[in-house]
PDB file of all heavy atoms in Angstrom:
ATOM      1  N   GLY A   1       0.821  -1.206  -0.008  1.00  0.00           N
ATOM      2  CA  GLY A   1       0.007  -0.003  -0.012  1.00  0.00           C
ATOM      3  C   GLY A   1       0.863   1.260   0.012  1.00  0.00           C
ATOM      4  O   GLY A   1       2.080   1.212  -0.134  1.00  0.00           O
ATOM      5  N   ASP A   2       0.201   2.394   0.159  1.00  0.00           N
ATOM      6  CA  ASP A   2       0.892   3.673   0.206  1.00  0.00           C
ATOM      7  C   ASP A   2       1.935   3.694   1.361  1.00  0.00           C
ATOM      8  O   ASP A   2       2.982   4.286   1.226  1.00  0.00           O
ATOM      9  CB  ASP A   2      -0.053   4.827   0.411  1.00  0.00           C
ATOM     10  CG  ASP A   2      -0.928   5.075  -0.834  1.00  0.00           C
ATOM     11  OD1 ASP A   2      -0.516   4.706  -1.920  1.00  0.00           O
ATOM     12  OD2 ASP A   2      -2.039   5.639  -0.706  1.00  0.00           O
ATOM     13  N   GLY A   3       1.587   3.015   2.473  1.00  0.00           N
ATOM     14  CA  GLY A   3       2.523   2.944   3.601  1.00  0.00           C
ATOM     15  C   GLY A   3       3.775   2.160   3.250  1.00  0.00           C
ATOM     16  O   GLY A   3       4.881   2.493   3.736  1.00  0.00           O
ATOM     17  N   THR A   4       3.636   1.124   2.456  1.00  0.00           N
ATOM     18  CA  THR A   4       4.778   0.332   2.028  1.00  0.00           C
ATOM     19  C   THR A   4       5.705   1.171   1.145  1.00  0.00           C
ATOM     20  O   THR A   4       6.944   1.141   1.265  1.00  0.00           O
ATOM     21  CB  THR A   4       4.345  -0.940   1.281  1.00  0.00           C
ATOM     22  OG1 THR A   4       3.349  -1.649   2.072  1.00  0.00           O
ATOM     23  CG2 THR A   4       5.531  -1.876   1.081  1.00  0.00           C
ATOM     24  N   MET A   5       5.064   1.889   0.210  1.00  0.00           N
ATOM     25  CA  MET A   5       5.850   2.798  -0.644  1.00  0.00           C
ATOM     26  C   MET A   5       6.584   3.844   0.180  1.00  0.00           C
ATOM     27  O   MET A   5       7.751   4.160  -0.026  1.00  0.00           O
ATOM     28  CB  MET A   5       4.945   3.435  -1.688  1.00  0.00           C
ATOM     29  CG  MET A   5       5.630   4.486  -2.577  1.00  0.00           C
ATOM     30  SD  MET A   5       6.888   3.750  -3.641  1.00  0.00           S
ATOM     31  CE  MET A   5       5.853   3.157  -4.979  1.00  0.00           C
ATOM     32  N   ASN A   6       5.858   4.383   1.188  1.00  0.00           N
ATOM     33  CA  ASN A   6       6.454   5.397   2.053  1.00  0.00           C
ATOM     34  C   ASN A   6       7.650   4.852   2.795  1.00  0.00           C
ATOM     35  O   ASN A   6       8.700   5.529   2.890  1.00  0.00           O
ATOM     36  CB  ASN A   6       5.414   5.927   3.032  1.00  0.00           C
ATOM     37  CG  ASN A   6       6.020   6.975   3.977  1.00  0.00           C
ATOM     38  OD1 ASN A   6       6.440   6.696   5.076  1.00  0.00           O
ATOM     39  ND2 ASN A   6       6.045   8.209   3.500  1.00  0.00           N
ATOM     40  N   GLU A   7       7.519   3.639   3.300  1.00  0.00           N
ATOM     41  CA  GLU A   7       8.672   3.034   4.019  1.00  0.00           C
ATOM     42  C   GLU A   7       9.841   2.821   3.093  1.00  0.00           C
ATOM     43  O   GLU A   7      11.010   2.995   3.482  1.00  0.00           O
ATOM     44  CB  GLU A   7       8.226   1.755   4.693  1.00  0.00           C
ATOM     45  CG  GLU A   7       9.302   1.251   5.662  1.00  0.00           C
ATOM     46  CD  GLU A   7       8.893   0.005   6.432  1.00  0.00           C
ATOM     47  OE1 GLU A   7       7.682  -0.193   6.662  1.00  0.00           O
ATOM     48  OE2 GLU A   7       9.787  -0.756   6.862  1.00  0.00           O
ATOM     49  N   ALA A   8       9.584   2.428   1.873  1.00  0.00           N
ATOM     50  CA  ALA A   8      10.660   2.225   0.897  1.00  0.00           C
ATOM     51  C   ALA A   8      11.444   3.527   0.690  1.00  0.00           C
ATOM     52  O   ALA A   8      12.669   3.518   0.578  1.00  0.00           O
ATOM     53  CB  ALA A   8      10.121   1.690  -0.417  1.00  0.00           C
ATOM     54  N   LEU A   9      10.711   4.657   0.619  1.00  0.00           N
ATOM     55  CA  LEU A   9      11.364   5.932   0.395  1.00  0.00           C
ATOM     56  C   LEU A   9      12.337   6.274   1.505  1.00  0.00           C
ATOM     57  O   LEU A   9      13.329   6.999   1.267  1.00  0.00           O
ATOM     58  CB  LEU A   9      10.305   7.043   0.282  1.00  0.00           C
ATOM     59  CG  LEU A   9       9.384   6.992  -0.937  1.00  0.00           C
ATOM     60  CD1 LEU A   9       8.378   8.129  -0.897  1.00  0.00           C
ATOM     61  CD2 LEU A   9      10.204   7.045  -2.249  1.00  0.00           C
ATOM     62  N   GLN A  10      12.066   5.782   2.725  1.00  0.00           N
ATOM     63  CA  GLN A  10      12.966   6.089   3.833  1.00  0.00           C
ATOM     64  C   GLN A  10      14.306   5.406   3.637  1.00  0.00           C
ATOM     65  O   GLN A  10      15.282   5.834   4.239  1.00  0.00           O
ATOM     66  CB  GLN A  10      12.344   5.655   5.162  1.00  0.00           C
ATOM     67  CG  GLN A  10      10.898   6.108   5.405  1.00  0.00           C
ATOM     68  CD  GLN A  10      10.638   7.550   5.035  1.00  0.00           C
ATOM     69  OE1 GLN A  10      11.392   8.457   5.395  1.00  0.00           O
ATOM     70  NE2 GLN A  10       9.533   7.783   4.334  1.00  0.00           N
ATOM     71  N   GLY A  11      14.354   4.350   2.814  1.00  0.00           N
ATOM     72  CA  GLY A  11      15.608   3.617   2.597  1.00  0.00           C
ATOM     73  C   GLY A  11      16.304   3.990   1.293  1.00  0.00           C
ATOM     74  O   GLY A  11      17.368   3.430   0.973  1.00  0.00           O
ATOM     75  N   ILE A  12      15.723   4.936   0.542  1.00  0.00           N
ATOM     76  CA  ILE A  12      16.296   5.312  -0.738  1.00  0.00           C
ATOM     77  C   ILE A  12      16.877   6.752  -0.649  1.00  0.00           C
ATOM     78  O   ILE A  12      16.101   7.704  -0.486  1.00  0.00           O
ATOM     79  CB  ILE A  12      15.248   5.229  -1.872  1.00  0.00           C
ATOM     80  CG1 ILE A  12      14.699   3.821  -1.969  1.00  0.00           C
ATOM     81  CG2 ILE A  12      15.863   5.696  -3.222  1.00  0.00           C
ATOM     82  CD1 ILE A  12      13.568   3.698  -2.971  1.00  0.00           C
ATOM     83  N   PRO A  13      18.178   6.920  -0.726  1.00  0.00           N
ATOM     84  CA  PRO A  13      18.765   8.270  -0.647  1.00  0.00           C
ATOM     85  C   PRO A  13      18.245   9.110  -1.843  1.00  0.00           C
ATOM     86  O   PRO A  13      17.949   8.595  -2.921  1.00  0.00           O
ATOM     87  CB  PRO A  13      20.273   8.010  -0.787  1.00  0.00           C
ATOM     88  CG  PRO A  13      20.462   6.588  -0.410  1.00  0.00           C
ATOM     89  CD  PRO A  13      19.204   5.863  -0.820  1.00  0.00           C
ATOM     90  N   GLU A  14      18.122  10.404  -1.597  1.00  0.00           N
ATOM     91  CA  GLU A  14      17.587  11.286  -2.628  1.00  0.00           C
ATOM     92  C   GLU A  14      18.414  11.249  -3.908  1.00  0.00           C
ATOM     93  O   GLU A  14      17.906  11.445  -5.005  1.00  0.00           O
ATOM     94  CB  GLU A  14      17.503  12.697  -2.102  1.00  0.00           C
ATOM     95  CG  GLU A  14      16.366  12.874  -1.053  1.00  0.00           C
ATOM     96  CD  GLU A  14      16.264  14.281  -0.556  1.00  0.00           C
ATOM     97  OE1 GLU A  14      16.426  15.245  -1.310  1.00  0.00           O
ATOM     98  OE2 GLU A  14      16.077  14.484   0.705  1.00  0.00           O
ATOM     99  N   GLN A  15      19.736  11.054  -3.773  1.00  0.00           N
ATOM    100  CA  GLN A  15      20.587  11.086  -4.967  1.00  0.00           C
ATOM    101  C   GLN A  15      20.638   9.758  -5.693  1.00  0.00           C
ATOM    102  O   GLN A  15      21.233   9.652  -6.764  1.00  0.00           O
ATOM    103  CB  GLN A  15      21.998  11.499  -4.567  1.00  0.00           C
ATOM    104  CG  GLN A  15      22.791  10.483  -3.745  1.00  0.00           C
ATOM    105  CD  GLN A  15      22.511  10.569  -2.257  1.00  0.00           C
ATOM    106  OE1 GLN A  15      21.571  11.255  -1.849  1.00  0.00           O
ATOM    107  NE2 GLN A  15      23.350   9.921  -1.482  1.00  0.00           N
ATOM    108  N   ALA A  16      19.992   8.717  -5.160  1.00  0.00           N
ATOM    109  CA  ALA A  16      20.039   7.388  -5.765  1.00  0.00           C
ATOM    110  C   ALA A  16      19.305   7.372  -7.106  1.00  0.00           C
ATOM    111  O   ALA A  16      18.262   8.021  -7.260  1.00  0.00           O
ATOM    112  CB  ALA A  16      19.468   6.347  -4.838  1.00  0.00           C
ATOM    113  N   GLN A  17      19.828   6.676  -8.060  1.00  0.00           N
ATOM    114  CA  GLN A  17      19.193   6.512  -9.392  1.00  0.00           C
ATOM    115  C   GLN A  17      18.290   5.285  -9.348  1.00  0.00           C
ATOM    116  O   GLN A  17      18.732   4.163  -9.499  1.00  0.00           O
ATOM    117  CB  GLN A  17      20.262   6.379 -10.455  1.00  0.00           C
ATOM    118  CG  GLN A  17      21.163   7.585 -10.618  1.00  0.00           C
ATOM    119  CD  GLN A  17      20.365   8.800 -10.984  1.00  0.00           C
ATOM    120  OE1 GLN A  17      19.633   8.798 -12.012  1.00  0.00           O
ATOM    121  NE2 GLN A  17      20.528   9.916 -10.241  1.00  0.00           N
ATOM    122  N   VAL A  18      17.006   5.517  -9.115  1.00  0.00           N
ATOM    123  CA  VAL A  18      16.041   4.445  -8.945  1.00  0.00           C
ATOM    124  C   VAL A  18      14.805   4.724  -9.748  1.00  0.00           C
ATOM    125  O   VAL A  18      14.330   5.836  -9.829  1.00  0.00           O
ATOM    126  CB  VAL A  18      15.630   4.289  -7.446  1.00  0.00           C
ATOM    127  CG1 VAL A  18      14.560   3.209  -7.287  1.00  0.00           C
ATOM    128  CG2 VAL A  18      16.844   3.966  -6.593  1.00  0.00           C
ATOM    129  N   ILE A  19      14.289   3.674 -10.409  1.00  0.00           N
ATOM    130  CA  ILE A  19      13.004   3.730 -11.063  1.00  0.00           C
ATOM    131  C   ILE A  19      12.049   2.860 -10.262  1.00  0.00           C
ATOM    132  O   ILE A  19      12.308   1.657 -10.051  1.00  0.00           O
ATOM    133  CB  ILE A  19      13.037   3.253 -12.519  1.00  0.00           C
ATOM    134  CG1 ILE A  19      13.908   4.208 -13.352  1.00  0.00           C
ATOM    135  CG2 ILE A  19      11.653   3.180 -13.135  1.00  0.00           C
ATOM    136  CD1 ILE A  19      14.090   3.772 -14.794  1.00  0.00           C
ATOM    137  N   LEU A  20      10.963   3.418  -9.776  1.00  0.00           N
ATOM    138  CA  LEU A  20      10.011   2.716  -8.954  1.00  0.00           C
ATOM    139  C   LEU A  20       8.778   2.288  -9.715  1.00  0.00           C
ATOM    140  O   LEU A  20       8.240   3.016 -10.531  1.00  0.00           O
ATOM    141  CB  LEU A  20       9.529   3.621  -7.808  1.00  0.00           C
ATOM    142  CG  LEU A  20      10.557   3.970  -6.711  1.00  0.00           C
ATOM    143  CD1 LEU A  20      10.049   5.096  -5.831  1.00  0.00           C
ATOM    144  CD2 LEU A  20      10.864   2.727  -5.862  1.00  0.00           C
ATOM    145  N   GLY A  21       8.405   0.999  -9.505  1.00  0.00           N
ATOM    146  CA  GLY A  21       7.147   0.476  -9.995  1.00  0.00           C
ATOM    147  C   GLY A  21       6.240   0.236  -8.805  1.00  0.00           C
ATOM    148  O   GLY A  21       6.725   0.001  -7.671  1.00  0.00           O
ATOM    149  N   TYR A  22       4.934   0.250  -9.032  1.00  0.00           N
ATOM    150  CA  TYR A  22       4.008   0.139  -7.907  1.00  0.00           C
ATOM    151  C   TYR A  22       2.857  -0.775  -8.255  1.00  0.00           C
ATOM    152  O   TYR A  22       2.154  -0.569  -9.251  1.00  0.00           O
ATOM    153  CB  TYR A  22       3.488   1.530  -7.547  1.00  0.00           C
ATOM    154  CG  TYR A  22       2.595   1.625  -6.317  1.00  0.00           C
ATOM    155  CD1 TYR A  22       2.837   0.820  -5.195  1.00  0.00           C
ATOM    156  CD2 TYR A  22       1.522   2.496  -6.260  1.00  0.00           C
ATOM    157  CE1 TYR A  22       2.047   0.899  -4.069  1.00  0.00           C
ATOM    158  CE2 TYR A  22       0.739   2.639  -5.134  1.00  0.00           C
ATOM    159  CZ  TYR A  22       0.986   1.797  -4.024  1.00  0.00           C
ATOM    160  OH  TYR A  22       0.200   1.898  -2.921  1.00  0.00           O
ATOM    161  N   ILE A  23       2.702  -1.860  -7.457  1.00  0.00           N
ATOM    162  CA  ILE A  23       1.560  -2.731  -7.541  1.00  0.00           C
ATOM    163  C   ILE A  23       0.727  -2.501  -6.298  1.00  0.00           C
ATOM    164  O   ILE A  23       1.028  -2.989  -5.220  1.00  0.00           O
ATOM    165  CB  ILE A  23       1.992  -4.220  -7.650  1.00  0.00           C
ATOM    166  CG1 ILE A  23       2.887  -4.404  -8.868  1.00  0.00           C
ATOM    167  CG2 ILE A  23       0.785  -5.138  -7.712  1.00  0.00           C
ATOM    168  CD1 ILE A  23       3.486  -5.802  -9.008  1.00  0.00           C
ATOM    169  N   PRO A  24      -0.325  -1.695  -6.372  1.00  0.00           N
ATOM    170  CA  PRO A  24      -1.042  -1.230  -5.176  1.00  0.00           C
ATOM    171  C   PRO A  24      -1.933  -2.326  -4.595  1.00  0.00           C
ATOM    172  O   PRO A  24      -2.878  -2.766  -5.223  1.00  0.00           O
ATOM    173  CB  PRO A  24      -1.877  -0.036  -5.695  1.00  0.00           C
ATOM    174  CG  PRO A  24      -2.069  -0.338  -7.144  1.00  0.00           C
ATOM    175  CD  PRO A  24      -0.855  -1.091  -7.618  1.00  0.00           C
ATOM    176  N   THR A  25      -1.631  -2.709  -3.366  1.00  0.00           N
ATOM    177  CA  THR A  25      -2.442  -3.711  -2.685  1.00  0.00           C
ATOM    178  C   THR A  25      -2.812  -3.221  -1.284  1.00  0.00           C
ATOM    179  O   THR A  25      -2.930  -4.018  -0.357  1.00  0.00           O
ATOM    180  CB  THR A  25      -1.715  -5.081  -2.579  1.00  0.00           C
ATOM    181  OG1 THR A  25      -0.477  -4.905  -1.894  1.00  0.00           O
ATOM    182  CG2 THR A  25      -1.439  -5.659  -3.957  1.00  0.00           C
ATOM    183  N   GLY A  26      -2.953  -1.919  -1.132  1.00  0.00           N
ATOM    184  CA  GLY A  26      -3.312  -1.351   0.159  1.00  0.00           C
ATOM    185  C   GLY A  26      -4.781  -1.091   0.265  1.00  0.00           C
ATOM    186  O   GLY A  26      -5.593  -1.511  -0.567  1.00  0.00           O
ATOM    187  N   SER A  27      -5.176  -0.393   1.320  1.00  0.00           N
ATOM    188  CA  SER A  27      -6.581  -0.060   1.562  1.00  0.00           C
ATOM    189  C   SER A  27      -6.933   1.330   1.036  1.00  0.00           C
ATOM    190  O   SER A  27      -8.104   1.605   0.722  1.00  0.00           O
ATOM    191  CB  SER A  27      -6.917  -0.162   3.051  1.00  0.00           C
ATOM    192  OG  SER A  27      -6.107   0.702   3.821  1.00  0.00           O
ATOM    193  N   SER A  28      -5.948   2.238   0.933  1.00  0.00           N
ATOM    194  CA  SER A  28      -6.200   3.545   0.466  1.00  0.00           C
ATOM    195  C   SER A  28      -5.830   3.765  -0.998  1.00  0.00           C
ATOM    196  O   SER A  28      -6.566   4.225  -1.852  1.00  0.00           O
ATOM    197  CB  SER A  28      -5.491   4.623   1.327  1.00  0.00           C
ATOM    198  OG  SER A  28      -5.982   4.560   2.627  1.00  0.00           O
ATOM    199  N   ASN A  29      -4.576   3.404  -1.329  1.00  0.00           N
ATOM    200  CA  ASN A  29      -4.078   3.451  -2.712  1.00  0.00           C
ATOM    201  C   ASN A  29      -4.244   4.828  -3.366  1.00  0.00           C
ATOM    202  O   ASN A  29      -4.633   4.949  -4.499  1.00  0.00           O
ATOM    203  CB  ASN A  29      -4.754   2.395  -3.595  1.00  0.00           C
ATOM    204  CG  ASN A  29      -4.467   0.989  -3.105  1.00  0.00           C
ATOM    205  OD1 ASN A  29      -3.377   0.671  -2.632  1.00  0.00           O
ATOM    206  ND2 ASN A  29      -5.460   0.090  -3.205  1.00  0.00           N
ATOM    207  N   ASP A  30      -3.947   5.875  -2.575  1.00  0.00           N
ATOM    208  CA  ASP A  30      -4.097   7.253  -3.126  1.00  0.00           C
ATOM    209  C   ASP A  30      -3.089   7.565  -4.204  1.00  0.00           C
ATOM    210  O   ASP A  30      -3.394   8.310  -5.136  1.00  0.00           O
ATOM    211  CB  ASP A  30      -4.020   8.250  -1.977  1.00  0.00           C
ATOM    212  CG  ASP A  30      -5.251   8.232  -1.075  1.00  0.00           C
ATOM    213  OD1 ASP A  30      -6.358   8.380  -1.590  1.00  0.00           O
ATOM    214  OD2 ASP A  30      -5.103   8.026   0.148  1.00  0.00           O
ATOM    215  N   LEU A  31      -1.862   7.017  -4.076  1.00  0.00           N
ATOM    216  CA  LEU A  31      -0.889   7.251  -5.134  1.00  0.00           C
ATOM    217  C   LEU A  31      -1.339   6.647  -6.440  1.00  0.00           C
ATOM    218  O   LEU A  31      -1.267   7.278  -7.499  1.00  0.00           O
ATOM    219  CB  LEU A  31       0.464   6.654  -4.676  1.00  0.00           C
ATOM    220  CG  LEU A  31       1.618   6.810  -5.677  1.00  0.00           C
ATOM    221  CD1 LEU A  31       1.954   8.250  -5.890  1.00  0.00           C
ATOM    222  CD2 LEU A  31       2.880   6.060  -5.181  1.00  0.00           C
ATOM    223  N   ALA A  32      -1.831   5.409  -6.386  1.00  0.00           N
ATOM    224  CA  ALA A  32      -2.344   4.768  -7.583  1.00  0.00           C
ATOM    225  C   ALA A  32      -3.542   5.471  -8.193  1.00  0.00           C
ATOM    226  O   ALA A  32      -3.698   5.616  -9.386  1.00  0.00           O
ATOM    227  CB  ALA A  32      -2.687   3.315  -7.291  1.00  0.00           C
ATOM    228  N   ARG A  33      -4.394   5.955  -7.280  1.00  0.00           N
ATOM    229  CA  ARG A  33      -5.616   6.694  -7.711  1.00  0.00           C
ATOM    230  C   ARG A  33      -5.261   7.911  -8.544  1.00  0.00           C
ATOM    231  O   ARG A  33      -5.832   8.179  -9.577  1.00  0.00           O
ATOM    232  CB  ARG A  33      -6.433   7.108  -6.487  1.00  0.00           C
ATOM    233  CG  ARG A  33      -7.705   7.856  -6.830  1.00  0.00           C
ATOM    234  CD  ARG A  33      -8.534   8.166  -5.578  1.00  0.00           C
ATOM    235  NE  ARG A  33      -9.149   6.972  -5.017  1.00  0.00           N
ATOM    236  CZ  ARG A  33      -8.719   6.339  -3.899  1.00  0.00           C
ATOM    237  NH1 ARG A  33      -7.666   6.825  -3.225  1.00  0.00           N
ATOM    238  NH2 ARG A  33      -9.359   5.281  -3.464  1.00  0.00           N
ATOM    239  N   ASP A  34      -4.236   8.641  -8.098  1.00  0.00           N
ATOM    240  CA  ASP A  34      -3.894   9.895  -8.792  1.00  0.00           C
ATOM    241  C   ASP A  34      -3.086   9.638 -10.056  1.00  0.00           C
ATOM    242  O   ASP A  34      -3.125  10.433 -10.999  1.00  0.00           O
ATOM    243  CB  ASP A  34      -3.086  10.809  -7.824  1.00  0.00           C
ATOM    244  CG  ASP A  34      -3.271  12.276  -8.191  1.00  0.00           C
ATOM    245  OD1 ASP A  34      -4.356  12.650  -8.675  1.00  0.00           O
ATOM    246  OD2 ASP A  34      -2.326  13.052  -7.960  1.00  0.00           O
ATOM    247  N   LEU A  35      -2.374   8.536 -10.090  1.00  0.00           N
ATOM    248  CA  LEU A  35      -1.499   8.231 -11.242  1.00  0.00           C
ATOM    249  C   LEU A  35      -2.142   7.254 -12.229  1.00  0.00           C
ATOM    250  O   LEU A  35      -1.516   6.883 -13.215  1.00  0.00           O
ATOM    251  CB  LEU A  35      -0.159   7.655 -10.774  1.00  0.00           C
ATOM    252  CG  LEU A  35       0.714   8.565  -9.904  1.00  0.00           C
ATOM    253  CD1 LEU A  35       2.010   7.842  -9.543  1.00  0.00           C
ATOM    254  CD2 LEU A  35       1.014   9.881 -10.620  1.00  0.00           C
ATOM    255  N   ASN A  36      -3.393   6.896 -11.971  1.00  0.00           N
ATOM    256  CA  ASN A  36      -4.120   5.959 -12.855  1.00  0.00           C
ATOM    257  C   ASN A  36      -3.412   4.621 -12.988  1.00  0.00           C
ATOM    258  O   ASN A  36      -3.393   4.005 -14.057  1.00  0.00           O
ATOM    259  CB  ASN A  36      -4.337   6.583 -14.226  1.00  0.00           C
ATOM    260  CG  ASN A  36      -5.303   7.759 -14.205  1.00  0.00           C
ATOM    261  OD1 ASN A  36      -6.336   7.721 -13.572  1.00  0.00           O
ATOM    262  ND2 ASN A  36      -4.928   8.825 -14.897  1.00  0.00           N
ATOM    263  N   ILE A  37      -2.802   4.146 -11.870  1.00  0.00           N
ATOM    264  CA  ILE A  37      -2.212   2.821 -11.836  1.00  0.00           C
ATOM    265  C   ILE A  37      -3.314   1.838 -11.481  1.00  0.00           C
ATOM    266  O   ILE A  37      -4.017   2.045 -10.491  1.00  0.00           O
ATOM    267  CB  ILE A  37      -1.053   2.772 -10.821  1.00  0.00           C
ATOM    268  CG1 ILE A  37       0.073   3.730 -11.220  1.00  0.00           C
ATOM    269  CG2 ILE A  37      -0.518   1.326 -10.657  1.00  0.00           C
ATOM    270  CD1 ILE A  37       1.173   3.851 -10.194  1.00  0.00           C
ATOM    271  N   PRO A  38      -3.478   0.747 -12.231  1.00  0.00           N
ATOM    272  CA  PRO A  38      -4.569  -0.174 -11.952  1.00  0.00           C
ATOM    273  C   PRO A  38      -4.400  -0.849 -10.568  1.00  0.00           C
ATOM    274  O   PRO A  38      -3.288  -1.124 -10.142  1.00  0.00           O
ATOM    275  CB  PRO A  38      -4.451  -1.229 -13.044  1.00  0.00           C
ATOM    276  CG  PRO A  38      -3.601  -0.596 -14.141  1.00  0.00           C
ATOM    277  CD  PRO A  38      -2.721   0.366 -13.448  1.00  0.00           C
ATOM    278  N   THR A  39      -5.517  -1.101  -9.893  1.00  0.00           N
ATOM    279  CA  THR A  39      -5.450  -1.780  -8.634  1.00  0.00           C
ATOM    280  C   THR A  39      -5.490  -3.291  -8.843  1.00  0.00           C
ATOM    281  O   THR A  39      -5.258  -4.074  -7.898  1.00  0.00           O
ATOM    282  CB  THR A  39      -6.640  -1.417  -7.733  1.00  0.00           C
ATOM    283  OG1 THR A  39      -7.867  -1.583  -8.404  1.00  0.00           O
ATOM    284  CG2 THR A  39      -6.517   0.058  -7.285  1.00  0.00           C
ATOM    285  N   ASP A  40      -5.788  -3.758 -10.054  1.00  0.00           N
ATOM    286  CA  ASP A  40      -5.638  -5.179 -10.372  1.00  0.00           C
ATOM    287  C   ASP A  40      -4.148  -5.494 -10.485  1.00  0.00           C
ATOM    288  O   ASP A  40      -3.425  -4.854 -11.292  1.00  0.00           O
ATOM    289  CB  ASP A  40      -6.353  -5.492 -11.681  1.00  0.00           C
ATOM    290  CG  ASP A  40      -6.121  -6.930 -12.117  1.00  0.00           C
ATOM    291  OD1 ASP A  40      -6.759  -7.862 -11.527  1.00  0.00           O
ATOM    292  OD2 ASP A  40      -5.249  -7.202 -12.998  1.00  0.00           O
TER     293      ASP A  40
END
């Protein structure tokens, strides 16, 4: 969920070169809602 994504951000330095993918399986999924990422 959004909380899992948030926790991942705490472990990724701002200068790191990372591409994030998101499979939303939370209860809120607000990030997916705004980015039109499917909940399936």
